[in-house]
Protein backbone atom coordinates (compact mmCIF):
# COMPACT_ATOMS: atom_id res chain seq x y z
CA UNK A 1 -55.07 -149.88 -16.19
CA UNK A 2 -52.60 -147.09 -16.66
CA UNK A 3 -53.46 -143.50 -15.81
CA UNK A 4 -53.02 -142.55 -19.47
CA UNK A 5 -55.74 -145.00 -20.46
CA UNK A 6 -58.23 -143.68 -17.95
CA UNK A 7 -60.38 -141.07 -19.66
CA UNK A 8 -61.50 -139.70 -16.29
CA UNK A 9 -57.96 -138.94 -15.23
CA UNK A 10 -56.98 -135.28 -15.04
CA UNK A 11 -53.43 -134.11 -14.59
CA UNK A 12 -52.92 -132.14 -11.37
CA UNK A 13 -53.01 -128.38 -11.90
CA UNK A 14 -50.55 -126.05 -10.18
CA UNK A 15 -52.08 -124.15 -7.30
CA UNK A 16 -52.13 -120.38 -6.92
CA UNK A 17 -48.85 -118.70 -6.10
CA UNK A 18 -48.04 -118.14 -2.46
CA UNK A 19 -47.90 -114.48 -1.44
CA UNK A 20 -44.96 -112.75 0.13
CA UNK A 21 -46.13 -111.44 3.48
CA UNK A 22 -44.21 -108.40 4.73
CA UNK A 23 -44.34 -108.82 8.49
CA UNK A 24 -47.07 -110.96 10.07
CA UNK A 25 -50.53 -109.60 9.30
CA UNK A 26 -53.40 -111.05 11.33
CA UNK A 27 -55.03 -114.12 9.87
CA UNK A 28 -58.60 -113.61 11.16
CA UNK A 29 -59.38 -110.00 10.28
CA UNK A 30 -57.59 -107.46 8.07
CA UNK A 31 -56.19 -105.02 10.63
CA UNK A 32 -53.72 -104.02 7.94
CA UNK A 33 -54.59 -102.37 4.59
CA UNK A 34 -56.21 -104.58 1.99
CA UNK A 35 -55.57 -101.95 -0.69
CA UNK A 36 -52.38 -100.10 -1.56
CA UNK A 37 -51.74 -97.45 1.09
CA UNK A 38 -48.95 -94.99 1.73
CA UNK A 39 -47.36 -94.72 5.16
CA UNK A 40 -49.98 -92.31 6.49
CA UNK A 41 -52.90 -94.38 5.22
CA UNK A 42 -52.22 -97.52 7.26
CA UNK A 43 -55.03 -96.82 9.75
CA UNK A 44 -57.58 -96.78 6.90
CA UNK A 45 -58.53 -100.45 7.24
CA UNK A 46 -61.88 -102.22 6.69
CA UNK A 47 -62.29 -103.19 10.36
CA UNK A 48 -62.13 -99.63 11.71
CA UNK A 49 -64.60 -96.77 11.25
CA UNK A 50 -64.05 -93.03 11.72
CA UNK A 51 -65.22 -93.32 15.32
CA UNK A 52 -62.12 -95.31 16.19
CA UNK A 53 -59.88 -92.49 14.96
CA UNK A 54 -61.80 -89.86 16.97
CA UNK A 55 -61.54 -91.89 20.17
CA UNK A 56 -57.86 -92.69 19.51
CA UNK A 57 -57.08 -88.97 19.11
CA UNK A 58 -58.78 -88.20 22.43
CA UNK A 59 -56.93 -91.02 24.19
CA UNK A 60 -53.61 -89.90 22.67
CA UNK A 61 -54.19 -86.34 23.85
CA UNK A 62 -55.06 -87.61 27.32
CA UNK A 63 -51.93 -89.77 27.53
CA UNK A 64 -49.73 -86.92 26.28
CA UNK A 65 -51.27 -84.54 28.84
CA UNK A 66 -50.69 -87.12 31.56
CA UNK A 67 -47.04 -87.39 30.56
CA UNK A 68 -46.73 -83.60 30.69
CA UNK A 69 -48.19 -83.49 34.21
CA UNK A 70 -45.98 -86.33 35.42
CA UNK A 71 -42.82 -84.73 33.98
CA UNK A 72 -43.74 -81.39 35.60
CA UNK A 73 -44.32 -83.15 38.91
CA UNK A 74 -40.91 -84.85 38.68
CA UNK A 75 -39.38 -81.49 37.78
CA UNK A 76 -40.82 -79.89 40.94
CA UNK A 77 -39.65 -82.78 43.12
CA UNK A 78 -36.16 -82.51 41.64
CA UNK A 79 -36.10 -78.77 42.38
CA UNK A 80 -37.01 -79.22 46.04
CA UNK A 81 -34.58 -82.10 46.50
CA UNK A 82 -31.76 -79.96 45.13
CA UNK A 83 -32.78 -76.96 47.22
CA UNK A 84 -32.92 -78.98 50.44
CA UNK A 85 -29.59 -80.67 49.83
CA UNK A 86 -27.78 -77.70 48.29
CA UNK A 87 -29.16 -74.30 49.24
CA UNK A 88 -27.22 -72.29 46.68
CA UNK A 89 -28.87 -74.22 43.87
CA UNK A 90 -31.70 -71.67 43.92
CA UNK A 91 -29.36 -69.10 42.41
CA UNK A 92 -27.13 -71.51 40.49
CA UNK A 93 -28.52 -73.66 37.67
CA UNK A 94 -25.56 -76.00 37.22
CA UNK A 95 -27.58 -78.86 38.76
CA UNK A 96 -31.18 -77.90 38.05
CA UNK A 97 -30.84 -77.17 34.35
CA UNK A 98 -29.03 -80.42 33.43
CA UNK A 99 -31.61 -82.33 35.48
CA UNK A 100 -34.49 -80.56 33.71
CA UNK A 101 -32.85 -81.32 30.36
CA UNK A 102 -32.72 -85.03 31.24
CA UNK A 103 -36.34 -85.04 32.42
CA UNK A 104 -37.52 -83.38 29.22
CA UNK A 105 -35.65 -85.90 27.03
CA UNK A 106 -37.07 -88.85 28.94
CA UNK A 107 -40.56 -87.32 28.76
CA UNK A 108 -40.28 -87.00 24.97
CA UNK A 109 -38.88 -90.54 24.66
CA UNK A 110 -41.95 -91.84 26.51
CA UNK A 111 -43.99 -90.83 23.46
CA UNK A 112 -42.74 -94.01 21.76
CA UNK A 113 -44.61 -96.43 24.05
CA UNK A 114 -47.61 -94.07 24.04
CA UNK A 115 -47.81 -94.18 20.24
CA UNK A 116 -47.31 -97.94 20.14
CA UNK A 117 -49.96 -98.57 22.79
CA UNK A 118 -52.55 -96.41 21.00
CA UNK A 119 -51.78 -98.00 17.62
CA UNK A 120 -52.12 -101.48 19.09
CA UNK A 121 -55.23 -100.85 21.19
CA UNK A 122 -57.21 -99.21 18.39
CA UNK A 123 -55.74 -100.72 15.22
CA UNK A 124 -53.88 -103.86 16.32
CA UNK A 125 -50.73 -102.53 14.61
CA UNK A 126 -47.56 -102.86 16.68
CA UNK A 127 -44.20 -101.15 16.67
CA UNK A 128 -43.11 -102.64 13.35
CA UNK A 129 -46.12 -101.47 11.34
CA UNK A 130 -45.97 -98.07 13.05
CA UNK A 131 -42.35 -97.80 11.88
CA UNK A 132 -42.80 -98.55 8.17
CA UNK A 133 -45.07 -100.07 5.53
CA UNK A 134 -43.01 -103.29 5.53
CA UNK A 135 -43.70 -104.05 9.19
CA UNK A 136 -40.32 -103.31 10.73
CA UNK A 137 -37.83 -100.55 11.47
CA UNK A 138 -35.34 -100.69 8.59
CA UNK A 139 -32.11 -100.25 10.52
CA UNK A 140 -29.79 -100.40 7.53
CA UNK A 141 -31.73 -97.64 5.77
CA UNK A 142 -31.76 -95.65 9.02
CA UNK A 143 -27.98 -95.91 9.32
CA UNK A 144 -27.53 -94.78 5.73
CA UNK A 145 -29.73 -91.71 6.14
CA UNK A 146 -28.19 -90.85 9.51
CA UNK A 147 -24.72 -90.83 7.93
CA UNK A 148 -25.84 -88.59 5.06
CA UNK A 149 -27.64 -86.14 7.35
CA UNK A 150 -24.74 -86.01 9.83
CA UNK A 151 -22.19 -85.36 7.09
CA UNK A 152 -24.30 -82.65 5.49
CA UNK A 153 -25.16 -80.91 8.75
CA UNK A 154 -21.59 -81.00 10.06
CA UNK A 155 -20.36 -79.59 6.74
CA UNK A 156 -22.86 -76.76 7.11
CA UNK A 157 -21.67 -76.03 10.65
CA UNK A 158 -18.02 -76.00 9.61
CA UNK A 159 -18.86 -73.65 6.76
CA UNK A 160 -20.72 -71.40 9.18
CA UNK A 161 -17.71 -71.20 11.51
CA UNK A 162 -15.29 -70.53 8.67
CA UNK A 163 -17.56 -67.86 7.18
CA UNK A 164 -18.55 -65.98 10.34
CA UNK A 165 -15.48 -66.64 12.47
CA UNK A 166 -15.24 -68.38 15.86
CA UNK A 167 -16.09 -65.24 17.86
CA UNK A 168 -19.36 -64.70 16.00
CA UNK A 169 -20.61 -68.22 16.76
CA UNK A 170 -19.66 -68.00 20.47
CA UNK A 171 -16.81 -70.53 20.26
CA UNK A 172 -14.54 -68.24 22.29
CA UNK A 173 -16.91 -68.47 25.27
CA UNK A 174 -16.84 -72.25 25.55
CA UNK A 175 -15.26 -73.80 28.65
CA UNK A 176 -15.31 -76.87 30.91
CA UNK A 177 -17.99 -76.72 33.59
CA UNK A 178 -18.91 -79.05 36.49
CA UNK A 179 -21.86 -80.35 34.48
CA UNK A 180 -19.96 -80.81 31.18
CA UNK A 181 -19.49 -84.57 31.50
CA UNK A 182 -23.05 -85.13 32.64
CA UNK A 183 -24.49 -83.10 29.76
CA UNK A 184 -22.37 -84.92 27.17
CA UNK A 185 -23.63 -88.29 28.40
CA UNK A 186 -27.25 -87.11 28.54
CA UNK A 187 -27.13 -85.63 25.03
CA UNK A 188 -25.53 -88.69 23.46
CA UNK A 189 -27.73 -91.26 25.24
CA UNK A 190 -31.13 -89.59 25.52
CA UNK A 191 -31.37 -87.03 22.70
CA UNK A 192 -31.71 -89.76 20.03
CA UNK A 193 -34.56 -91.27 22.08
CA UNK A 194 -36.14 -87.85 22.55
CA UNK A 195 -35.99 -87.23 18.80
CA UNK A 196 -37.44 -90.65 18.00
CA UNK A 197 -40.22 -90.08 20.55
CA UNK A 198 -41.32 -86.90 18.82
CA UNK A 199 -41.30 -88.65 15.46
CA UNK A 200 -43.45 -91.54 16.65
CA UNK A 201 -45.92 -89.04 18.08
CA UNK A 202 -45.98 -86.21 15.52
CA UNK A 203 -45.05 -88.11 12.31
CA UNK A 204 -46.44 -91.60 12.92
CA UNK A 205 -49.42 -91.62 15.25
CA UNK A 206 -51.07 -88.23 14.73
CA UNK A 207 -50.83 -88.02 10.90
CA UNK A 208 -52.20 -91.56 10.56
CA UNK A 209 -55.13 -90.75 12.84
CA UNK A 210 -55.83 -87.52 10.95
CA UNK A 211 -55.66 -89.33 7.60
CA UNK A 212 -58.05 -91.99 8.92
CA UNK A 213 -60.65 -89.28 9.57
CA UNK A 214 -60.73 -88.11 5.94
CA UNK A 215 -61.85 -90.62 3.27
CA UNK A 216 -60.42 -88.59 0.36
CA UNK A 217 -56.76 -89.62 0.21
CA UNK A 218 -55.30 -86.36 -1.17
CA UNK A 219 -57.25 -84.22 1.31
CA UNK A 220 -56.26 -86.51 4.16
CA UNK A 221 -52.59 -86.23 3.23
CA UNK A 222 -52.74 -82.42 3.11
CA UNK A 223 -54.50 -82.18 6.46
CA UNK A 224 -52.16 -84.72 8.08
CA UNK A 225 -49.14 -82.70 6.93
CA UNK A 226 -50.48 -79.30 7.99
CA UNK A 227 -52.05 -80.32 11.31
CA UNK A 228 -49.17 -82.52 12.50
CA UNK A 229 -46.61 -79.86 11.56
CA UNK A 230 -48.68 -77.22 13.34
CA UNK A 231 -48.84 -79.37 16.48
CA UNK A 232 -45.10 -80.00 16.23
CA UNK A 233 -44.53 -76.23 16.07
CA UNK A 234 -46.87 -75.61 19.01
CA UNK A 235 -45.15 -78.29 21.14
CA UNK A 236 -41.88 -76.33 21.02
CA UNK A 237 -43.41 -73.37 22.87
CA UNK A 238 -41.82 -70.56 20.87
CA UNK A 239 -43.44 -67.16 20.38
CA UNK A 240 -41.51 -65.38 17.63
CA UNK A 241 -42.39 -65.59 13.95
CA UNK A 242 -39.11 -66.95 12.57
CA UNK A 243 -38.84 -69.78 15.10
CA UNK A 244 -42.44 -70.79 14.46
CA UNK A 245 -41.87 -70.77 10.71
CA UNK A 246 -38.75 -72.87 11.18
CA UNK A 247 -40.44 -75.54 13.30
CA UNK A 248 -43.46 -75.67 11.02
CA UNK A 249 -41.20 -76.01 7.97
CA UNK A 250 -39.10 -78.68 9.68
CA UNK A 251 -42.28 -80.58 10.50
CA UNK A 252 -43.26 -80.53 6.82
CA UNK A 253 -39.82 -81.77 5.76
CA UNK A 254 -39.99 -84.64 8.26
CA UNK A 255 -43.54 -85.50 7.14
CA UNK A 256 -42.44 -85.53 3.48
CA UNK A 257 -39.56 -87.89 4.26
CA UNK A 258 -42.00 -90.37 5.82
CA UNK A 259 -44.34 -90.14 2.86
CA UNK A 260 -41.63 -90.57 0.23
CA UNK A 261 -39.74 -93.39 1.97
CA UNK A 262 -42.64 -95.34 3.49
CA UNK A 263 -41.34 -95.20 7.05
CA UNK A 264 -40.00 -93.20 9.97
CA UNK A 265 -36.33 -94.10 9.58
CA UNK A 266 -35.23 -91.05 7.55
CA UNK A 267 -37.25 -88.57 9.61
CA UNK A 268 -35.85 -90.00 12.86
CA UNK A 269 -32.33 -89.75 11.42
CA UNK A 270 -32.79 -86.09 10.43
CA UNK A 271 -34.37 -85.20 13.77
CA UNK A 272 -31.51 -86.82 15.69
CA UNK A 273 -28.94 -85.03 13.54
CA UNK A 274 -30.55 -81.62 13.99
CA UNK A 275 -30.91 -81.95 17.76
CA UNK A 276 -27.49 -83.44 18.51
CA UNK A 277 -25.56 -81.06 16.25
CA UNK A 278 -27.43 -78.01 17.53
CA UNK A 279 -26.81 -79.05 21.16
CA UNK A 280 -23.13 -79.86 20.92
CA UNK A 281 -22.14 -76.55 22.59
CA UNK A 282 -24.46 -76.89 25.63
CA UNK A 283 -22.05 -78.95 27.80
CA UNK A 284 -19.41 -76.25 27.33
CA UNK A 285 -21.64 -73.20 27.82
CA UNK A 286 -22.50 -71.13 30.88
CA UNK A 287 -26.07 -72.28 31.36
CA UNK A 288 -26.80 -69.55 33.93
CA UNK A 289 -25.74 -66.84 31.47
CA UNK A 290 -27.82 -68.47 28.73
CA UNK A 291 -30.93 -68.34 30.93
CA UNK A 292 -30.29 -64.73 31.95
CA UNK A 293 -29.88 -63.63 28.33
CA UNK A 294 -32.83 -65.63 27.00
CA UNK A 295 -35.49 -63.10 28.03
CA UNK A 296 -36.82 -61.52 24.87
CA UNK A 297 -34.63 -63.74 22.72
CA UNK A 298 -36.14 -64.28 19.27
CA UNK A 299 -35.25 -66.19 16.15
CA UNK A 300 -33.93 -64.62 13.00
CA UNK A 301 -34.32 -65.07 9.23
CA UNK A 302 -31.08 -67.08 9.38
CA UNK A 303 -33.21 -70.01 10.53
CA UNK A 304 -34.54 -70.25 6.98
CA UNK A 305 -31.00 -71.06 5.82
CA UNK A 306 -30.95 -74.05 8.17
CA UNK A 307 -34.32 -75.11 6.83
CA UNK A 308 -33.05 -74.79 3.25
CA UNK A 309 -30.14 -77.14 4.06
CA UNK A 310 -32.58 -79.65 5.54
CA UNK A 311 -34.70 -79.49 2.37
CA UNK A 312 -31.64 -80.15 0.18
CA UNK A 313 -30.61 -83.12 2.35
CA UNK A 314 -34.18 -84.48 2.23
CA UNK A 315 -34.14 -84.28 -1.58
CA UNK A 316 -30.89 -86.26 -1.62
CA UNK A 317 -32.50 -88.94 0.55
CA UNK A 318 -35.52 -89.05 -1.75
CA UNK A 319 -33.25 -89.55 -4.75
CA UNK A 320 -31.41 -92.35 -2.95
CA UNK A 321 -34.68 -94.01 -1.96
CA UNK A 322 -35.86 -94.02 -5.58
CA UNK A 323 -32.51 -95.34 -6.75
CA UNK A 324 -32.65 -98.22 -4.26
CA UNK A 325 -36.30 -98.96 -4.97
CA UNK A 326 -37.37 -98.46 -1.37
CA UNK A 327 -40.87 -99.75 -0.62
CA UNK A 328 -43.15 -96.77 0.09
CA UNK A 329 -46.67 -98.23 -0.28
CA UNK A 330 -48.08 -101.65 0.56
CA UNK A 331 -51.26 -103.72 0.94
CA UNK A 332 -50.12 -106.41 3.39
CA UNK A 333 -53.57 -107.95 4.02
CA UNK A 334 -54.67 -108.09 0.39
CA UNK A 335 -55.35 -111.59 -1.04
CA UNK A 336 -52.21 -111.08 -3.12
CA UNK A 337 -50.09 -108.44 -1.34
CA UNK A 338 -48.52 -105.66 -3.38
CA UNK A 339 -45.94 -103.00 -2.68
CA UNK A 340 -45.08 -99.78 -4.46
CA UNK A 341 -41.45 -98.85 -4.66
CA UNK A 342 -40.09 -95.33 -4.52
CA UNK A 343 -40.05 -95.32 -8.33
CA UNK A 344 -43.87 -95.52 -8.03
CA UNK A 345 -43.97 -98.86 -9.88
CA UNK A 346 -46.30 -101.54 -8.55
CA UNK A 347 -44.74 -104.89 -7.72
CA UNK A 348 -47.01 -107.87 -7.32
CA UNK A 349 -45.69 -109.99 -4.47
CA UNK A 350 -47.05 -113.32 -5.73
CA UNK A 351 -44.37 -115.99 -6.02
CA UNK A 352 -44.24 -119.64 -6.96
CA UNK A 353 -43.07 -120.47 -3.45
CA UNK A 354 -43.08 -118.73 -0.07
CA UNK A 355 -40.56 -115.91 0.01
CA UNK A 356 -39.44 -113.02 2.16
CA UNK A 357 -38.72 -109.37 1.57
CA UNK A 358 -35.10 -110.24 0.83
CA UNK A 359 -36.28 -112.08 -2.29
CA UNK A 360 -37.85 -108.98 -3.87
CA UNK A 361 -34.86 -108.10 -6.12
CA UNK A 362 -34.81 -111.65 -7.57
CA UNK A 363 -38.57 -111.84 -8.00
CA UNK A 364 -38.77 -108.41 -9.59
CA UNK A 365 -36.30 -109.38 -12.31
CA UNK A 366 -37.91 -112.77 -13.02
CA UNK A 367 -40.60 -112.77 -15.75
CA UNK A 368 -43.68 -114.73 -14.74
CA UNK A 369 -47.40 -114.63 -15.27
CA UNK A 370 -49.09 -113.19 -12.20
CA UNK A 371 -52.22 -111.11 -11.68
CA UNK A 372 -51.49 -107.45 -12.29
CA UNK A 373 -48.79 -107.85 -14.91
CA UNK A 374 -49.26 -108.27 -18.65
CA UNK A 375 -45.68 -108.18 -19.85
CA UNK A 376 -42.09 -108.19 -18.71
CA UNK A 377 -41.96 -104.39 -18.95
CA UNK A 378 -44.61 -104.15 -16.23
CA UNK A 379 -42.24 -105.71 -13.70
CA UNK A 380 -39.97 -103.09 -12.09
CA UNK A 381 -36.28 -103.74 -12.08
CA UNK A 382 -34.13 -103.26 -9.00
CA UNK A 383 -30.56 -102.10 -9.03
CA UNK A 384 -29.93 -102.50 -5.32
CA UNK A 385 -31.33 -103.81 -2.07
CA UNK A 386 -35.07 -103.59 -1.57
CA UNK A 387 -36.35 -102.66 1.84
């Protein structure tokens, strides 16, 4: 008897669409968001209560304090080693100051493993999910933002020199010193790591923990921005008003970049640019004279001009992120994962077959019936690469 003649026969029905999984969320328990969350909301997961965030903050503070003590101990050992091997080093900083600079950079870079360890121990989220809402560090996007920030900041510096003149920006005092080569290598190799370390601590770990303490999303975002920027300002140990305002404002700009782009890449790029460009003169400067003249040194209102340039560059990055449709919100552990692009449009990640993040542009432009969409106009269009 043919299948067509069997009244009990039922044609096979297509199964539910397979979801696109950004990264590899756990299969047993949702340690990643089951609802749409921005970058700072990724610790607000069903398996963790507020107590976890409180304990994680205490552990983070303890680890950071331990790093501070260890770096100070290494600093003291370095001082005595130099003194015992080179007596005149007590009055000459050409060895001590470069060594202290290296120790500080390595200490700051150590914040990366600290942040990753805390995120994994308390929330089972590794380096990738701490880096962005798509579960990885988006290197191509990082390179793009780094190029834009570097071009803009260098253009500002050139304009400053042309406007004020070389003598007014201390270019006439630059020279080759015994530590010049060492300082160049240290700045180029360790300053990017130092900048990234501060971002993983002050823009990734702490704001997420603060947001996890406050159930109201808008209030949590405000507190995460203000508290993390205040801690960032405090960590730079400055006492004058203008310098404090500058660091607090820079912290807000870096926080905003993370929020608008869904990851750390742009904030790391800006931080690296600021530090490297501002330190370019150190290898060619008389470090002893700088220390002698630093007593009572304060910032000036001119720092607000630097901050204004950083705001303009951040707005350019935000525009580019929206133009590219960068993913800024996600729900990786939802039954059907979703993402929100920088244009604030929701994209359902259900597909007829397993797919990866690289397939988002094709899927977004393909009309199909999936939960969450009622018409073709509900599906966002992409004009470039999705991240």
